[in-house]
Amino acid sequence: QVQLVEAGGGLVQPGGSLRLSCASSVDIKSIYQLGWYRQGPGNVRRPVATIRNTGGTDYAKSAEGRFTITRDNAKNTVNLQMNRLKPEDTAVYFCNAAVYYTSGVKTYWGPGPQVTVSS
């Protein structure tokens, strides 16, 4: 069982920056992939950025060049630095962990902080 607790989020003006952090209850070196997803009003939940335990990353096209995902193995956290934010980035942002067990993959979600980009 993995518990994820996010921090950060809030209201920011267009062009501003925010940093989201997600703390895991287990050693993240045991987690194959950590990531951030978001769900805007009336939309489905979509991936924003993911990072594997090898360090490999993937970004949504909308996030490339503006967002950076990192993982801190010492603190068991995964972070999302968001720069040059736009109103369309407004969404609930969910931390995700994908763990491989002998029985298969299981995913875990944090409760999700709200990010609002508005002037």
Protein backbone atom coordinates (compact mmCIF):
# COMPACT_ATOMS: atom_id res chain seq x y z
CA GLN A 1 0.00 0.00 0.00
CA VAL A 2 1.33 3.43 -0.98
CA GLN A 3 -0.03 6.68 0.38
CA LEU A 4 0.65 9.90 -1.48
CA VAL A 5 0.30 13.34 0.02
CA GLU A 6 0.60 16.39 -2.19
CA ALA A 7 1.60 19.93 -1.25
CA GLY A 8 1.58 23.13 -3.23
CA GLY A 9 -1.05 24.36 -5.59
CA GLY A 10 -3.17 27.46 -5.25
CA LEU A 11 -3.86 30.58 -7.25
CA VAL A 12 -1.26 32.09 -9.55
CA GLN A 13 -1.33 34.74 -12.26
CA PRO A 14 -0.70 33.86 -15.90
CA GLY A 15 3.03 33.69 -16.52
CA GLY A 16 3.75 32.77 -12.93
CA SER A 17 5.24 29.64 -11.39
CA LEU A 18 4.15 26.99 -8.93
CA ARG A 19 5.83 23.95 -7.45
CA LEU A 20 3.92 20.82 -6.52
CA SER A 21 5.39 18.21 -4.24
CA CYS A 22 4.19 14.70 -3.49
CA ALA A 23 5.45 12.64 -0.57
CA SER A 24 5.29 8.86 -0.65
CA SER A 25 4.76 6.65 2.40
CA VAL A 26 7.18 4.09 0.98
CA ASP A 27 10.69 4.20 -0.45
CA ILE A 28 10.22 5.62 -3.94
CA LYS A 29 13.14 3.57 -5.23
CA SER A 30 10.68 0.67 -5.10
CA ILE A 31 8.18 2.55 -7.27
CA TYR A 32 8.59 2.00 -10.98
CA GLN A 33 6.98 5.22 -12.11
CA LEU A 34 5.81 8.40 -10.43
CA GLY A 35 3.88 11.07 -12.19
CA TRP A 36 1.53 14.01 -12.22
CA TYR A 37 -1.85 13.97 -13.93
CA ARG A 38 -4.42 16.69 -14.16
CA GLN A 39 -8.14 16.99 -14.63
CA GLY A 40 -9.68 20.26 -15.72
CA PRO A 41 -13.37 21.16 -15.45
CA GLY A 42 -15.39 18.82 -17.64
CA ASN A 43 -12.29 16.95 -18.80
CA VAL A 44 -10.84 13.51 -18.27
CA ARG A 45 -7.74 12.98 -16.20
CA ARG A 46 -4.63 13.16 -18.38
CA PRO A 47 -0.91 12.68 -17.75
CA VAL A 48 1.21 15.79 -17.44
CA ALA A 49 4.63 14.33 -16.65
CA THR A 50 6.03 11.00 -15.49
CA ILE A 51 9.40 9.87 -14.22
CA ARG A 52 10.65 6.29 -13.94
CA ASN A 53 13.00 4.91 -11.32
CA THR A 54 15.68 4.90 -14.04
CA GLY A 55 15.31 8.69 -14.27
CA GLY A 56 13.62 8.64 -17.66
CA THR A 57 10.88 11.24 -18.10
CA ASP A 58 7.94 11.85 -20.36
CA TYR A 59 5.93 15.03 -20.76
CA ALA A 60 2.64 15.96 -22.30
CA LYS A 61 3.11 18.22 -25.29
CA SER A 62 1.42 21.05 -23.40
CA ALA A 63 3.96 20.73 -20.58
CA GLU A 64 7.16 20.43 -22.59
CA GLY A 65 9.55 23.31 -22.04
CA ARG A 66 7.52 24.74 -19.16
CA PHE A 67 7.21 21.95 -16.58
CA THR A 68 9.95 19.85 -14.98
CA ILE A 69 9.40 16.67 -13.01
CA THR A 70 12.02 15.46 -10.56
CA ARG A 71 12.25 12.79 -7.90
CA ASP A 72 14.17 13.05 -4.63
CA ASN A 73 14.99 9.55 -3.45
CA ALA A 74 16.35 10.82 -0.12
CA LYS A 75 13.06 12.54 0.73
CA ASN A 76 10.77 10.08 -1.06
CA THR A 77 9.16 12.87 -3.01
CA VAL A 78 8.31 13.66 -6.59
CA ASN A 79 8.07 17.29 -7.60
CA LEU A 80 6.60 19.25 -10.47
CA GLN A 81 7.99 22.68 -11.19
CA MET A 82 5.55 24.60 -13.37
CA ASN A 83 6.70 27.78 -15.08
CA ARG A 84 5.03 30.20 -17.49
CA LEU A 85 1.63 29.02 -16.37
CA LYS A 86 -1.39 29.61 -18.58
CA PRO A 87 -5.11 29.76 -17.75
CA GLU A 88 -5.56 26.44 -19.55
CA ASP A 89 -3.28 24.84 -16.95
CA THR A 90 -6.07 25.31 -14.41
CA ALA A 91 -6.97 21.86 -13.07
CA VAL A 92 -6.79 19.51 -10.15
CA TYR A 93 -3.33 17.94 -10.20
CA PHE A 94 -2.99 14.36 -8.98
CA CYS A 95 0.18 12.58 -7.94
CA ASN A 96 0.39 9.00 -9.20
CA ALA A 97 2.55 6.01 -8.36
CA ALA A 98 2.75 2.81 -10.41
CA VAL A 99 4.12 -0.16 -8.48
CA TYR A 100 4.99 -3.55 -9.91
CA TYR A 101 4.01 -6.54 -7.81
CA THR A 102 4.33 -10.19 -8.72
CA SER A 103 0.56 -10.12 -9.26
CA GLY A 104 0.75 -7.14 -11.62
CA VAL A 105 0.84 -3.35 -11.61
CA LYS A 106 -1.10 -1.32 -9.10
CA THR A 107 -1.56 2.42 -9.23
CA TYR A 108 -2.07 4.82 -6.36
CA TRP A 109 -3.35 8.38 -6.35
CA GLY A 110 -3.05 11.37 -4.09
CA PRO A 111 -6.11 13.51 -3.33
CA GLY A 112 -5.02 16.26 -5.71
CA PRO A 113 -4.42 19.98 -5.08
CA GLN A 114 -6.24 22.61 -7.12
CA VAL A 115 -4.15 24.81 -9.37
CA THR A 116 -5.87 27.93 -10.67
CA VAL A 117 -4.19 30.23 -13.17
CA SER A 118 -6.07 33.49 -13.37
CA SER A 119 -5.55 37.22 -13.22
